[in-house]
Amino acid sequence: MKNIISLMITVFIVFTIQSQNTIDALRYAQDNLNGTARFRAMSGAFGALGGDFSSLNVNPAGSIVFSNNQIGLTLSNFNNNNKSNYFGKSTTENDNALDLNQAGGVFVFTIPKENTNWKKFAIAINYDNANNLNNTVFSAGTNPTNSIANYFLSYANANGGIPLELLQTQPGESIQNLYSFLGGLPDSTTYSTINGYSAQQAFLGYQAFIIDPNLPSTTQYNSLVAPGGNYYQENRVVSNGYNGKLTINASAQYTDKFSFGLNINSYFTDYQQTSTFTETNTNNTSTTDLVKRVRFNNDLYTYGTGLSFQLGTIYKPVKEIRVGLAYESPTWYRLNDEFSQTLVATSGSTNGNLPPDVVDPNTIIIYEPYNLQTPSKWTGSFAYVFGKKGLISLDYAIKDYSKTQFKPNNAFTQTNVQMANNLDVSSEIRVGAEYRIKKISLRGGYRFEQSPFKDGKSVGDLTGYSGGLGYNFGSVLLDLAFSQSQRETQQGFFSRGLTDPAMIKTINNTISVTLLFEL
């Protein structure tokens, strides 16, 4: 065994091969109920109502419902509670974030009644943090059979195996140089069938003495982790970031019955994820040195922009009834990834422990930009308005997650096939109600969203409840809302090799305050 000392200079290398997966895609494909306090209090059931800045995210025709020019902003406190169960051991992690998550303005113009059925038009601009990406998940437990070694073996032994010569540094060659070279595969014609990311993972495991060739074979490998099972494992994933959405909206009213609207949506996202996995065992009772402890760090930074559009209409057949229909196009993202890894393993025997083997390439892998296309969405809505006393509203939305795609397709063929096979059509129901008592408005809502997975387990159904109130001061309106949603997921620590899932129950609690000014 040897102690590998990393270089002090961080190297930035640009590569084309990447390792995105379904969870990465769903981070941007799934909607999150964000917006104004009134919108959240009624669980987002605004497709046939309009008259709220966040209602534009459901149906762009909603801006024409505003009676006056208005500006508004929303401050929210997001609390994520993640309860994890991994092989019978329960852990809990909380994460809080305070965010100015919405700000917008709308301007309404009346059209003079001169030989036209067009009544008025509106233009609006609105910002929403479409998805608050701050989250922390901690899982811990004793795995009876599966070690981290299986993760590295799954790459080292795949497709005939990684040649040993690729994993060994040559005289004068540094860990950093070889790790960087491997990331560039299969650009080398000599190793045209070897995936660069796979070679890097095998390289880390070999250099940390977690895996070793099964001699005389030089392409198949064995584990050097002490056998016997009962591997105590911990995994902490800390995420920070946002997916901001800037909407430019225009709408118009035709007669007293029809309203039409258009949104052009621009997205800008910034996401950082740090995962730290540790494993320990006390299995070795021999004088042969075997791995006893492992710490594996992975850091991902994703940033980029996106674009989509929305079309919508609201029909009012009679004074009390509103019917809405809206289409949201796919969102076309252009994303960039930066990725780095560090691996530390400690081996030992009954004679004691050896110094840790540290594999730190000090290299940030900068992948070439890639595209992500999320699925389109249809929303049908119905609302009944009880004069000035109150209203009840219903939205039904449908989205086919199996249409999610990374591009260019030839670089993500396997991932796209997996998403097409594993993801499904998902429907969502949102119900909201409001009752007015003079200047006070009381609100409540319910939402249900189906799992995007065919198995319904990898990511489960979502159920949410909400409530709130508002007070009208005249030209100033103040709204307050509380919303809660919960969903169960199965989260493996790694995408292959060590895939035993932790069962995660996530409860999201949000308190929002919105201040509106009529101009």
Protein backbone atom coordinates (compact mmCIF):
# COMPACT_ATOMS: atom_id res chain seq x y z
CA MET A 1 0.00 0.00 0.00
CA LYS A 2 1.14 3.55 -0.61
CA ASN A 3 0.05 7.03 0.31
CA ILE A 4 -0.81 9.08 -2.79
CA ILE A 5 -0.15 12.78 -2.34
CA SER A 6 -2.25 15.05 -4.53
CA LEU A 7 -0.91 18.05 -6.39
CA MET A 8 -1.59 21.50 -4.97
CA ILE A 9 -2.67 22.97 -8.32
CA THR A 10 -6.24 22.40 -9.47
CA VAL A 11 -6.49 21.58 -13.17
CA PHE A 12 -9.55 22.33 -15.31
CA ILE A 13 -10.09 19.82 -18.13
CA VAL A 14 -12.82 19.91 -20.80
CA PHE A 15 -14.35 16.54 -21.77
CA THR A 16 -17.25 15.42 -23.91
CA ILE A 17 -18.38 12.24 -22.10
CA GLN A 18 -20.80 12.74 -19.21
CA SER A 19 -22.76 10.66 -16.73
CA GLN A 20 -26.19 12.28 -16.34
CA ASN A 21 -29.06 10.13 -15.11
CA THR A 22 -32.83 10.21 -14.68
CA ILE A 23 -32.69 12.05 -11.35
CA ASP A 24 -30.62 14.82 -12.96
CA ALA A 25 -33.29 15.20 -15.65
CA LEU A 26 -36.21 15.23 -13.19
CA ARG A 27 -34.54 18.04 -11.23
CA TYR A 28 -35.61 20.32 -14.09
CA ALA A 29 -38.56 18.41 -15.55
CA GLN A 30 -40.70 18.33 -12.40
CA ASP A 31 -42.73 21.36 -11.34
CA ASN A 32 -42.58 22.81 -7.87
CA LEU A 33 -45.49 24.78 -6.42
CA ASN A 34 -43.84 28.17 -5.92
CA GLY A 35 -45.20 31.67 -6.29
CA THR A 36 -47.34 34.21 -4.45
CA ALA A 37 -48.95 33.52 -1.09
CA ARG A 38 -52.47 33.50 -2.58
CA PHE A 39 -51.37 31.05 -5.28
CA ARG A 40 -49.77 28.74 -2.72
CA ALA A 41 -52.71 29.00 -0.29
CA MET A 42 -55.04 27.66 -3.01
CA SER A 43 -52.54 24.95 -4.09
CA GLY A 44 -51.98 26.61 -7.46
CA ALA A 45 -55.53 25.99 -8.76
CA PHE A 46 -55.61 29.15 -10.87
CA GLY A 47 -55.85 27.97 -14.47
CA ALA A 48 -59.37 29.34 -14.99
CA LEU A 49 -59.11 32.25 -12.53
CA GLY A 50 -56.10 34.40 -13.34
CA GLY A 51 -55.69 37.71 -11.55
CA ASP A 52 -52.54 36.55 -9.74
CA PHE A 53 -48.92 36.85 -10.82
CA SER A 54 -48.21 33.15 -10.33
CA SER A 55 -51.38 32.19 -12.19
CA LEU A 56 -49.46 33.17 -15.35
CA ASN A 57 -47.34 30.04 -14.78
CA VAL A 58 -50.50 27.96 -15.27
CA ASN A 59 -52.43 29.93 -17.90
CA PRO A 60 -51.00 33.05 -19.56
CA ALA A 61 -54.50 34.38 -20.26
CA GLY A 62 -54.77 35.08 -16.53
CA SER A 63 -53.11 38.50 -16.69
CA ILE A 64 -56.16 40.02 -18.40
CA VAL A 65 -58.21 39.34 -15.25
CA PHE A 66 -56.31 42.03 -13.31
CA SER A 67 -58.56 45.06 -12.84
CA ASN A 68 -55.73 47.53 -12.28
CA ASN A 69 -52.01 47.92 -12.77
CA GLN A 70 -50.23 46.09 -10.00
CA ILE A 71 -46.80 45.19 -8.69
CA GLY A 72 -46.01 42.55 -6.08
CA LEU A 73 -43.30 40.57 -4.37
CA THR A 74 -43.20 37.44 -2.24
CA LEU A 75 -40.89 36.31 0.55
CA SER A 76 -40.92 32.61 1.51
CA ASN A 77 -39.32 30.36 4.07
CA PHE A 78 -38.75 26.84 2.74
CA ASN A 79 -38.30 23.97 5.19
CA ASN A 80 -37.39 20.48 3.96
CA ASN A 81 -37.59 17.60 6.43
CA ASN A 82 -36.06 14.37 5.09
CA LYS A 83 -36.59 11.18 7.11
CA SER A 84 -34.41 8.35 5.86
CA ASN A 85 -34.53 4.64 6.61
CA TYR A 86 -31.57 2.56 5.46
CA PHE A 87 -31.57 -1.11 6.49
CA GLY A 88 -33.68 -0.33 9.56
CA LYS A 89 -31.75 2.69 10.83
CA SER A 90 -33.68 5.97 10.82
CA THR A 91 -32.15 9.42 10.44
CA THR A 92 -33.61 12.90 10.02
CA GLU A 93 -32.22 16.01 8.39
CA ASN A 94 -33.77 19.50 8.18
CA ASP A 95 -32.95 22.29 5.77
CA ASN A 96 -34.23 25.88 5.86
CA ALA A 97 -33.95 28.62 3.25
CA LEU A 98 -35.34 32.16 3.11
CA ASP A 99 -35.89 33.48 -0.41
CA LEU A 100 -37.41 36.41 -2.26
CA ASN A 101 -39.04 33.94 -4.61
CA GLN A 102 -41.41 36.13 -6.64
CA ALA A 103 -41.58 39.66 -8.01
CA GLY A 104 -43.64 41.04 -10.86
CA GLY A 105 -45.70 43.78 -12.42
CA VAL A 106 -48.76 43.91 -14.69
CA PHE A 107 -50.20 46.75 -16.74
CA VAL A 108 -53.76 46.69 -18.07
CA PHE A 109 -54.96 48.80 -20.99
CA THR A 110 -58.58 49.38 -22.00
CA ILE A 111 -59.32 49.44 -25.73
CA PRO A 112 -61.74 52.19 -26.81
CA LYS A 113 -65.04 50.72 -28.04
CA GLU A 114 -64.81 51.80 -31.65
CA ASN A 115 -65.96 49.10 -34.07
CA THR A 116 -64.09 46.32 -32.24
CA ASN A 117 -64.96 43.41 -29.95
CA TRP A 118 -61.57 43.53 -28.25
CA LYS A 119 -62.09 44.92 -24.74
CA LYS A 120 -58.61 45.29 -23.24
CA PHE A 121 -55.10 43.91 -23.26
CA ALA A 122 -52.42 43.41 -20.61
CA ILE A 123 -48.69 42.99 -20.48
CA ALA A 124 -46.81 41.56 -17.52
CA ILE A 125 -43.37 40.58 -16.37
CA ASN A 126 -42.89 38.16 -13.52
CA TYR A 127 -40.00 36.38 -11.82
CA ASP A 128 -40.46 33.12 -9.95
CA ASN A 129 -37.95 30.82 -8.33
CA ALA A 130 -39.50 27.88 -10.17
CA ASN A 131 -37.65 25.38 -8.00
CA ASN A 132 -35.78 25.99 -4.76
CA LEU A 133 -32.97 23.43 -4.92
CA ASN A 134 -31.70 23.74 -1.33
CA ASN A 135 -31.88 20.35 0.34
CA THR A 136 -29.97 18.02 2.67
CA VAL A 137 -30.42 14.25 2.91
CA PHE A 138 -28.51 12.08 5.39
CA SER A 139 -28.78 8.30 5.44
CA ALA A 140 -26.95 5.78 7.62
CA GLY A 141 -27.18 2.07 8.29
CA THR A 142 -25.45 -1.30 8.16
CA ASN A 143 -25.53 -2.97 4.77
CA PRO A 144 -25.49 -6.74 5.32
CA THR A 145 -23.88 -7.70 1.99
CA ASN A 146 -22.95 -4.81 -0.31
CA SER A 147 -19.76 -2.76 -0.11
CA ILE A 148 -18.58 0.36 -1.93
CA ALA A 149 -16.09 -1.93 -3.69
CA ASN A 150 -18.96 -3.16 -5.85
CA TYR A 151 -19.39 0.36 -7.23
CA PHE A 152 -15.82 0.45 -8.52
CA LEU A 153 -16.00 -3.16 -9.72
CA SER A 154 -19.13 -2.41 -11.74
CA TYR A 155 -17.07 -0.02 -13.85
CA ALA A 156 -13.77 -1.90 -13.86
CA ASN A 157 -15.29 -5.22 -15.00
CA ALA A 158 -17.95 -3.90 -17.41
CA ASN A 159 -17.83 -4.61 -21.16
CA GLY A 160 -14.84 -6.95 -20.92
CA GLY A 161 -13.06 -4.89 -18.29
CA ILE A 162 -10.69 -1.92 -18.16
CA PRO A 163 -7.11 -2.90 -19.11
CA LEU A 164 -4.80 -2.75 -16.10
CA GLU A 165 -2.27 -0.68 -18.03
CA LEU A 166 -4.77 2.17 -18.12
CA LEU A 167 -5.07 2.26 -14.33
CA GLN A 168 -1.35 2.29 -13.51
CA THR A 169 0.73 5.44 -13.53
CA GLN A 170 3.90 5.31 -15.57
CA PRO A 171 7.28 6.71 -14.44
CA GLY A 172 6.97 10.49 -14.26
CA GLU A 173 3.18 10.41 -14.64
CA SER A 174 1.03 11.93 -11.91
CA ILE A 175 -2.35 10.88 -10.58
CA GLN A 176 -3.69 14.13 -11.97
CA ASN A 177 -2.36 13.52 -15.47
CA LEU A 178 -3.65 9.96 -15.75
CA TYR A 179 -7.08 10.81 -14.31
CA SER A 180 -7.38 13.61 -16.86
CA PHE A 181 -6.28 11.37 -19.73
CA LEU A 182 -8.86 8.73 -18.83
CA GLY A 183 -11.63 11.30 -18.83
CA GLY A 184 -10.86 12.02 -22.47
CA LEU A 185 -11.57 8.48 -23.62
CA PRO A 186 -12.78 7.21 -26.09
CA ASP A 187 -11.11 9.97 -28.14
CA SER A 188 -8.03 7.77 -28.23
CA THR A 189 -8.34 5.27 -31.10
CA THR A 190 -6.41 2.70 -29.07
CA TYR A 191 -9.20 2.57 -26.46
CA SER A 192 -12.14 3.53 -28.65
CA THR A 193 -14.59 1.22 -26.81
CA ILE A 194 -13.83 2.49 -23.30
CA ASN A 195 -16.02 5.12 -21.65
CA GLY A 196 -13.94 7.84 -20.01
CA TYR A 197 -16.09 8.17 -16.90
CA SER A 198 -16.04 4.40 -16.36
CA ALA A 199 -12.25 4.35 -16.66
CA GLN A 200 -11.95 7.16 -14.11
CA GLN A 201 -14.08 5.30 -11.55
CA ALA A 202 -12.06 2.11 -12.01
CA PHE A 203 -8.87 4.15 -11.70
CA LEU A 204 -9.94 5.67 -8.38
CA GLY A 205 -10.80 2.27 -6.93
CA TYR A 206 -7.53 0.72 -8.10
CA GLN A 207 -5.30 3.55 -6.91
CA ALA A 208 -6.96 3.50 -3.47
CA PHE A 209 -6.39 -0.27 -3.25
CA ILE A 210 -10.12 -0.97 -3.03
CA ILE A 211 -9.96 -3.23 -6.09
CA ASP A 212 -7.10 -5.28 -7.56
CA PRO A 213 -6.72 -7.36 -10.75
CA ASN A 214 -7.78 -10.99 -10.59
CA LEU A 215 -4.45 -12.27 -11.88
CA PRO A 216 -3.50 -13.63 -14.32
CA SER A 217 -6.33 -11.59 -15.86
CA THR A 218 -5.49 -7.94 -16.44
CA THR A 219 -9.04 -6.86 -17.28
CA GLN A 220 -11.08 -8.37 -14.41
CA TYR A 221 -10.86 -7.25 -10.79
CA ASN A 222 -11.62 -8.37 -7.25
CA SER A 223 -12.52 -6.49 -4.08
CA LEU A 224 -9.87 -5.71 -1.44
CA VAL A 225 -12.50 -4.72 1.10
CA ALA A 226 -12.60 -7.15 4.01
CA PRO A 227 -15.35 -9.72 3.30
CA GLY A 228 -18.02 -10.69 5.79
CA GLY A 229 -20.76 -8.12 5.22
CA ASN A 230 -22.16 -5.76 7.85
CA TYR A 231 -20.68 -2.63 6.24
CA TYR A 232 -21.66 0.49 8.14
CA GLN A 233 -22.40 3.21 5.58
CA GLU A 234 -23.27 6.88 5.74
CA ASN A 235 -24.24 9.14 2.86
CA ARG A 236 -24.81 12.88 3.09
CA VAL A 237 -26.00 14.85 0.07
CA VAL A 238 -26.09 18.64 0.42
CA SER A 239 -27.67 20.62 -2.43
CA ASN A 240 -27.90 24.36 -2.97
CA GLY A 241 -29.29 26.39 -5.83
CA TYR A 242 -32.26 27.66 -7.73
CA ASN A 243 -34.05 27.42 -11.06
CA GLY A 244 -35.22 30.95 -11.78
CA LYS A 245 -37.95 31.71 -14.31
CA LEU A 246 -38.53 35.12 -15.93
CA THR A 247 -41.84 35.40 -17.78
CA ILE A 248 -42.80 37.99 -20.37
CA ASN A 249 -46.57 37.88 -20.78
CA ALA A 250 -49.20 39.39 -23.07
CA SER A 251 -52.96 38.79 -23.03
CA ALA A 252 -56.14 40.19 -24.49
CA GLN A 253 -59.90 39.96 -23.91
CA TYR A 254 -62.33 39.39 -26.79
CA THR A 255 -65.93 40.30 -26.00
CA ASP A 256 -66.93 39.42 -22.45
CA LYS A 257 -66.36 35.73 -22.90
CA PHE A 258 -62.88 34.99 -24.26
CA SER A 259 -59.37 35.75 -23.05
CA PHE A 260 -56.13 34.71 -24.72
CA GLY A 261 -52.55 34.82 -23.50
CA LEU A 262 -48.95 34.09 -24.40
CA ASN A 263 -45.85 33.60 -22.23
CA ILE A 264 -42.22 33.59 -23.24
CA ASN A 265 -40.27 32.02 -20.37
CA SER A 266 -36.54 32.36 -19.80
CA TYR A 267 -34.84 30.10 -17.22
CA PHE A 268 -31.51 30.46 -15.47
CA THR A 269 -30.30 27.75 -13.14
CA ASP A 270 -27.43 27.36 -10.71
CA TYR A 271 -27.05 24.11 -8.76
CA GLN A 272 -24.33 22.71 -6.50
CA GLN A 273 -24.36 19.23 -4.96
CA THR A 274 -21.83 17.75 -2.58
CA SER A 275 -22.13 14.07 -1.64
CA THR A 276 -19.97 12.41 1.00
CA PHE A 277 -20.09 8.63 1.38
CA THR A 278 -18.29 6.74 4.16
CA GLU A 279 -18.01 3.04 4.89
CA THR A 280 -16.40 1.15 7.77
CA ASN A 281 -16.08 -2.50 8.74
CA THR A 282 -14.36 -4.58 11.40
CA ASN A 283 -14.32 -7.83 9.43
CA ASN A 284 -10.59 -8.44 9.00
CA THR A 285 -9.20 -10.91 11.54
CA SER A 286 -6.10 -11.87 9.54
CA THR A 287 -2.61 -10.45 9.05
CA THR A 288 -3.40 -9.59 5.42
CA ASP A 289 -4.07 -5.90 4.87
CA LEU A 290 -7.63 -5.25 3.64
CA VAL A 291 -9.74 -2.11 3.36
CA LYS A 292 -11.42 -1.08 6.61
CA ARG A 293 -12.55 2.51 5.95
CA VAL A 294 -13.52 4.48 2.84
CA ARG A 295 -14.52 8.10 2.28
CA PHE A 296 -15.70 9.07 -1.21
CA ASN A 297 -16.53 12.70 -2.12
CA ASN A 298 -18.29 13.81 -5.31
CA ASP A 299 -18.93 17.47 -6.15
CA LEU A 300 -21.20 18.58 -8.99
CA TYR A 301 -21.86 22.11 -10.23
CA THR A 302 -24.50 22.61 -12.92
CA TYR A 303 -25.45 25.94 -14.46
CA GLY A 304 -27.22 27.07 -17.59
CA THR A 305 -30.24 28.64 -19.22
CA GLY A 306 -33.53 27.51 -20.73
CA LEU A 307 -36.43 28.68 -22.86
CA SER A 308 -40.11 27.74 -23.20
CA PHE A 309 -43.43 29.25 -24.22
CA GLN A 310 -47.04 28.92 -23.08
CA LEU A 311 -50.40 29.50 -24.73
CA GLY A 312 -53.69 29.76 -22.88
CA THR A 313 -57.31 30.76 -23.05
CA ILE A 314 -60.10 31.38 -20.54
CA TYR A 315 -63.76 31.11 -21.54
CA LYS A 316 -66.61 32.60 -19.48
CA PRO A 317 -69.90 31.11 -20.76
CA VAL A 318 -71.90 32.73 -17.95
CA LYS A 319 -71.04 35.20 -15.23
CA GLU A 320 -70.29 32.57 -12.59
CA ILE A 321 -68.31 30.00 -14.61
CA ARG A 322 -64.76 30.08 -15.95
CA VAL A 323 -63.15 27.38 -18.13
CA GLY A 324 -59.46 27.40 -18.96
CA LEU A 325 -57.11 25.50 -21.25
CA ALA A 326 -53.34 25.99 -21.41
CA TYR A 327 -50.39 24.45 -23.19
CA GLU A 328 -46.80 24.63 -21.94
CA SER A 329 -44.10 23.73 -24.43
CA PRO A 330 -41.08 21.62 -23.56
CA THR A 331 -38.35 23.59 -21.84
CA TRP A 332 -35.14 23.56 -23.82
CA TYR A 333 -32.17 23.81 -21.46
CA ARG A 334 -28.54 24.42 -22.32
CA LEU A 335 -26.55 23.13 -19.35
CA ASN A 336 -22.94 22.97 -18.21
CA ASP A 337 -21.45 20.55 -15.66
CA GLU A 338 -18.31 20.75 -13.56
CA PHE A 339 -17.36 17.67 -11.57
CA SER A 340 -14.63 16.61 -9.13
CA GLN A 341 -13.91 13.57 -6.95
CA THR A 342 -11.72 12.55 -4.00
CA LEU A 343 -11.28 9.06 -2.55
CA VAL A 344 -9.60 8.03 0.70
CA ALA A 345 -9.23 4.41 1.84
CA THR A 346 -7.60 3.00 4.97
CA SER A 347 -6.42 -0.61 5.03
CA GLY A 348 -5.23 -2.67 7.93
CA SER A 349 -4.96 -6.05 9.62
CA THR A 350 -4.57 -7.49 13.08
CA ASN A 351 -1.14 -5.82 13.07
CA GLY A 352 -2.67 -2.35 12.84
CA ASN A 353 -3.69 0.17 10.21
CA LEU A 354 -1.64 1.49 7.30
CA PRO A 355 -1.53 5.20 6.40
CA PRO A 356 -4.58 6.24 4.36
CA ASP A 357 -4.40 5.94 0.59
CA VAL A 358 -5.52 9.31 -0.72
CA VAL A 359 -6.51 9.68 -4.36
CA ASP A 360 -7.16 13.35 -5.06
CA PRO A 361 -6.62 14.27 -8.71
CA ASN A 362 -7.22 17.97 -7.88
CA THR A 363 -8.96 18.14 -11.23
CA ILE A 364 -12.24 19.80 -12.09
CA ILE A 365 -13.81 18.08 -15.08
CA ILE A 366 -15.60 20.66 -17.24
CA TYR A 367 -17.91 18.83 -19.61
CA GLU A 368 -18.95 20.24 -22.94
CA PRO A 369 -22.37 21.95 -22.82
CA TYR A 370 -25.31 19.66 -23.44
CA ASN A 371 -29.07 20.06 -23.92
CA LEU A 372 -32.01 18.82 -21.89
CA GLN A 373 -35.55 18.82 -23.24
CA THR A 374 -38.28 18.44 -20.62
CA PRO A 375 -41.80 17.26 -21.58
CA SER A 376 -44.68 19.54 -22.58
CA LYS A 377 -47.73 19.96 -20.36
CA TRP A 378 -51.48 20.44 -20.85
CA THR A 379 -53.72 21.97 -18.16
CA GLY A 380 -57.51 22.05 -18.13
CA SER A 381 -59.28 24.23 -15.55
CA PHE A 382 -62.73 25.00 -14.16
CA ALA A 383 -63.82 27.62 -11.66
CA TYR A 384 -67.12 28.72 -10.15
CA VAL A 385 -67.34 32.25 -8.74
CA PHE A 386 -69.94 33.05 -6.08
CA GLY A 387 -70.23 36.74 -6.86
CA LYS A 388 -68.01 38.72 -4.52
CA LYS A 389 -68.30 36.14 -1.74
CA GLY A 390 -65.90 33.48 -2.92
CA LEU A 391 -64.92 30.86 -5.47
CA ILE A 392 -63.84 27.28 -5.99
CA SER A 393 -61.37 26.21 -8.64
CA LEU A 394 -60.04 22.97 -10.13
CA ASP A 395 -57.01 22.29 -12.34
CA TYR A 396 -56.11 19.02 -14.03
CA ALA A 397 -52.68 18.77 -15.67
CA ILE A 398 -50.96 16.00 -17.60
CA LYS A 399 -47.30 15.54 -18.55
CA ASP A 400 -45.50 12.63 -20.25
CA TYR A 401 -42.12 12.31 -18.51
CA SER A 402 -41.00 9.53 -20.84
CA LYS A 403 -40.47 12.27 -23.47
CA THR A 404 -37.63 13.76 -21.42
CA GLN A 405 -34.39 13.70 -23.39
CA PHE A 406 -30.75 14.64 -23.08
CA LYS A 407 -29.13 15.80 -26.31
CA PRO A 408 -27.17 15.16 -28.45
CA ASN A 409 -28.84 11.77 -28.44
CA ASN A 410 -25.75 9.83 -29.51
CA ALA A 411 -23.97 10.96 -26.32
CA PHE A 412 -26.89 9.98 -24.05
CA THR A 413 -28.42 7.00 -25.82
CA GLN A 414 -28.45 4.70 -22.79
CA THR A 415 -29.85 7.34 -20.42
CA ASN A 416 -32.57 8.38 -22.87
CA VAL A 417 -33.62 4.75 -23.40
CA GLN A 418 -33.80 4.26 -19.62
CA MET A 419 -36.00 7.34 -19.22
CA ALA A 420 -38.27 6.27 -22.07
CA ASN A 421 -38.67 2.82 -20.47
CA ASN A 422 -38.92 3.83 -16.81
CA LEU A 423 -40.82 7.12 -16.84
CA ASP A 424 -44.53 7.50 -17.49
CA VAL A 425 -47.41 9.89 -18.02
CA SER A 426 -48.17 11.75 -14.80
CA SER A 427 -51.34 13.66 -13.96
CA GLU A 428 -51.88 16.32 -11.34
CA ILE A 429 -55.03 17.60 -9.63
CA ARG A 430 -55.18 20.94 -7.82
CA VAL A 431 -58.24 22.22 -5.93
CA GLY A 432 -58.52 25.65 -4.35
CA ALA A 433 -61.18 27.73 -2.64
CA GLU A 434 -61.52 31.28 -1.35
CA TYR A 435 -64.15 32.92 0.85
CA ARG A 436 -64.31 36.66 1.46
CA ILE A 437 -65.55 38.31 4.65
CA LYS A 438 -65.46 42.04 3.97
CA LYS A 439 -61.76 42.86 3.58
CA ILE A 440 -60.53 39.45 4.73
CA SER A 441 -60.09 36.47 2.42
CA LEU A 442 -59.84 32.90 3.72
CA ARG A 443 -58.20 30.31 1.44
CA GLY A 444 -57.46 26.61 1.26
CA GLY A 445 -56.25 24.04 -1.23
CA TYR A 446 -55.29 20.47 -2.02
CA ARG A 447 -53.03 18.95 -4.66
CA PHE A 448 -52.14 15.46 -5.79
CA GLU A 449 -49.44 14.59 -8.30
CA GLN A 450 -48.77 11.11 -9.65
CA SER A 451 -45.30 9.60 -9.66
CA PRO A 452 -43.34 10.21 -12.88
CA PHE A 453 -42.07 6.59 -12.70
CA LYS A 454 -43.93 3.56 -14.02
CA ASP A 455 -43.11 1.61 -10.84
CA GLY A 456 -44.52 4.40 -8.67
CA LYS A 457 -41.78 3.74 -6.11
CA SER A 458 -38.51 5.32 -7.22
CA VAL A 459 -40.33 8.62 -6.79
CA GLY A 460 -43.75 8.24 -5.19
CA ASP A 461 -46.96 10.24 -5.48
CA LEU A 462 -47.06 13.72 -3.99
CA THR A 463 -49.84 14.93 -1.70
CA GLY A 464 -50.14 18.52 -0.53
CA TYR A 465 -52.39 20.76 1.56
CA SER A 466 -52.42 24.51 1.95
CA GLY A 467 -54.19 27.39 3.62
CA GLY A 468 -53.91 31.11 4.05
CA LEU A 469 -55.56 34.47 4.36
CA GLY A 470 -55.40 37.92 2.84
CA TYR A 471 -56.31 41.44 3.88
CA ASN A 472 -57.24 44.27 1.54
CA PHE A 473 -56.05 47.67 2.76
CA GLY A 474 -57.35 49.37 -0.38
CA SER A 475 -54.44 50.05 -2.70
CA VAL A 476 -52.26 47.61 -0.74
CA LEU A 477 -52.97 43.89 -0.29
CA LEU A 478 -51.23 41.56 2.14
CA ASP A 479 -51.39 37.75 1.77
CA LEU A 480 -50.08 34.98 4.01
CA ALA A 481 -49.95 31.25 3.21
CA PHE A 482 -48.79 27.96 4.65
CA SER A 483 -48.39 24.91 2.43
CA GLN A 484 -47.19 21.38 3.06
CA SER A 485 -46.44 18.53 0.70
CA GLN A 486 -44.98 15.09 1.20
CA ARG A 487 -43.53 12.45 -1.06
CA GLU A 488 -41.63 9.19 -0.59
CA THR A 489 -38.64 8.27 -2.73
CA GLN A 490 -36.10 5.47 -2.99
CA GLN A 491 -32.60 6.88 -3.28
CA GLY A 492 -29.62 4.70 -4.02
CA PHE A 493 -26.26 6.14 -3.03
CA PHE A 494 -24.84 5.37 -6.48
CA SER A 495 -26.28 4.62 -9.90
CA ARG A 496 -24.62 1.19 -10.15
CA GLY A 497 -22.75 -1.36 -8.05
CA LEU A 498 -23.97 -0.09 -4.69
CA THR A 499 -27.62 0.64 -5.44
CA ASP A 500 -29.40 -0.51 -2.25
CA PRO A 501 -31.96 2.27 -1.72
CA ALA A 502 -32.59 4.38 1.33
CA MET A 503 -36.30 5.05 1.85
CA ILE A 504 -36.75 8.80 2.07
CA LYS A 505 -39.91 10.55 3.25
CA THR A 506 -39.71 14.23 2.41
CA ILE A 507 -42.03 16.80 3.98
CA ASN A 508 -41.87 20.32 2.57
CA ASN A 509 -43.30 23.15 4.68
CA THR A 510 -43.44 26.65 3.22
CA ILE A 511 -44.57 29.95 4.71
CA SER A 512 -45.08 32.77 2.19
CA VAL A 513 -45.89 36.45 2.55
CA THR A 514 -46.91 38.56 -0.46
CA LEU A 515 -47.24 42.34 -0.61
CA LEU A 516 -49.19 43.79 -3.55
CA PHE A 517 -49.53 47.42 -4.62
CA GLU A 518 -52.25 48.62 -6.98
CA LEU A 519 -51.14 51.53 -9.14
